[in-house]
Protein backbone atom coordinates (compact mmCIF):
# COMPACT_ATOMS: atom_id res chain seq x y z
CA MET A 1 4.46 -9.14 -50.15
CA TYR A 2 4.34 -10.55 -53.64
CA ASN A 3 1.38 -11.03 -55.96
CA TYR A 4 1.53 -14.52 -57.46
CA ASN A 5 -1.65 -14.28 -59.57
CA LYS A 6 0.24 -14.57 -62.85
CA LEU A 7 2.17 -17.57 -61.53
CA LYS A 8 -1.04 -19.23 -60.29
CA GLY A 9 -2.60 -18.79 -63.72
CA LYS A 10 0.43 -20.30 -65.44
CA ILE A 11 0.38 -23.29 -63.08
CA VAL A 12 -3.26 -24.05 -63.91
CA GLU A 13 -2.65 -23.46 -67.63
CA MET A 14 0.31 -25.86 -67.78
CA TYR A 15 -0.56 -28.47 -65.12
CA GLY A 16 -4.30 -28.19 -64.56
CA SER A 17 -3.91 -27.99 -60.77
CA ARG A 18 -1.56 -26.90 -58.03
CA CYS A 19 -1.40 -30.50 -56.85
CA ALA A 20 0.01 -31.75 -60.16
CA PHE A 21 2.50 -28.88 -60.29
CA SER A 22 3.68 -29.38 -56.71
CA GLN A 23 4.37 -33.05 -57.50
CA ALA A 24 6.38 -32.07 -60.59
CA LEU A 25 8.28 -29.49 -58.53
CA GLY A 26 8.96 -32.03 -55.79
CA ILE A 27 7.29 -30.25 -52.89
CA ALA A 28 4.12 -30.92 -50.92
CA GLU A 29 0.93 -29.24 -52.12
CA CYS A 30 0.50 -27.54 -48.73
CA THR A 31 4.04 -26.13 -48.98
CA LEU A 32 3.29 -24.72 -52.44
CA SER A 33 0.07 -23.22 -51.12
CA GLN A 34 1.94 -21.51 -48.28
CA LYS A 35 4.51 -20.12 -50.69
CA LEU A 36 1.76 -18.77 -52.96
CA ARG A 37 0.18 -17.10 -49.89
CA CYS A 38 3.54 -15.52 -48.96
CA LYS A 39 3.86 -17.55 -45.75
CA PHE A 40 7.17 -19.01 -46.99
CA ASP A 41 9.58 -17.81 -49.65
CA PHE A 42 10.43 -19.69 -52.82
CA THR A 43 14.07 -20.77 -52.83
CA GLN A 44 16.26 -19.85 -55.77
CA SER A 45 16.36 -23.45 -56.93
CA GLU A 46 12.54 -23.70 -56.72
CA ILE A 47 12.22 -20.58 -58.85
CA VAL A 48 14.61 -21.95 -61.48
CA ARG A 49 12.87 -25.37 -61.51
CA SER A 50 9.46 -23.72 -61.69
CA CYS A 51 10.50 -21.66 -64.67
CA LYS A 52 11.76 -24.75 -66.48
CA LEU A 53 8.59 -26.72 -65.68
CA LEU A 54 6.30 -23.87 -66.70
CA GLY A 55 8.26 -22.70 -69.74
CA ILE A 56 8.88 -19.26 -68.27
CA PRO A 57 11.90 -17.53 -69.86
CA MET A 58 14.42 -16.37 -67.27
CA LYS A 59 14.02 -12.79 -68.50
CA GLU A 60 10.37 -12.94 -67.33
CA VAL A 61 11.05 -14.30 -63.82
CA SER A 62 10.26 -11.01 -62.12
CA ALA A 63 6.77 -10.87 -63.64
CA TYR A 64 5.91 -14.21 -62.02
CA PHE A 65 7.91 -14.25 -58.78
CA PHE A 66 8.70 -10.65 -57.82
CA ASN A 67 5.52 -8.73 -58.64
CA GLU A 68 4.94 -6.71 -55.47
CA ASN A 69 1.51 -5.77 -54.16
CA VAL A 70 1.05 -2.04 -53.83
């Protein structure tokens, strides 16, 4: 399971809400919520789009999307 706390913080910082970010990403808010709760996986294209929308450099992708809970 992944820890998306850093990603959640970046979403609120850049978009103010998950709802606004999910609209920009082109997915339903409930789908984003399920992905952030590890019920569904982010696709590769969603990860790339998210990084572009949030200004996350590709070299930092793992810190936001692949930070495993221990």
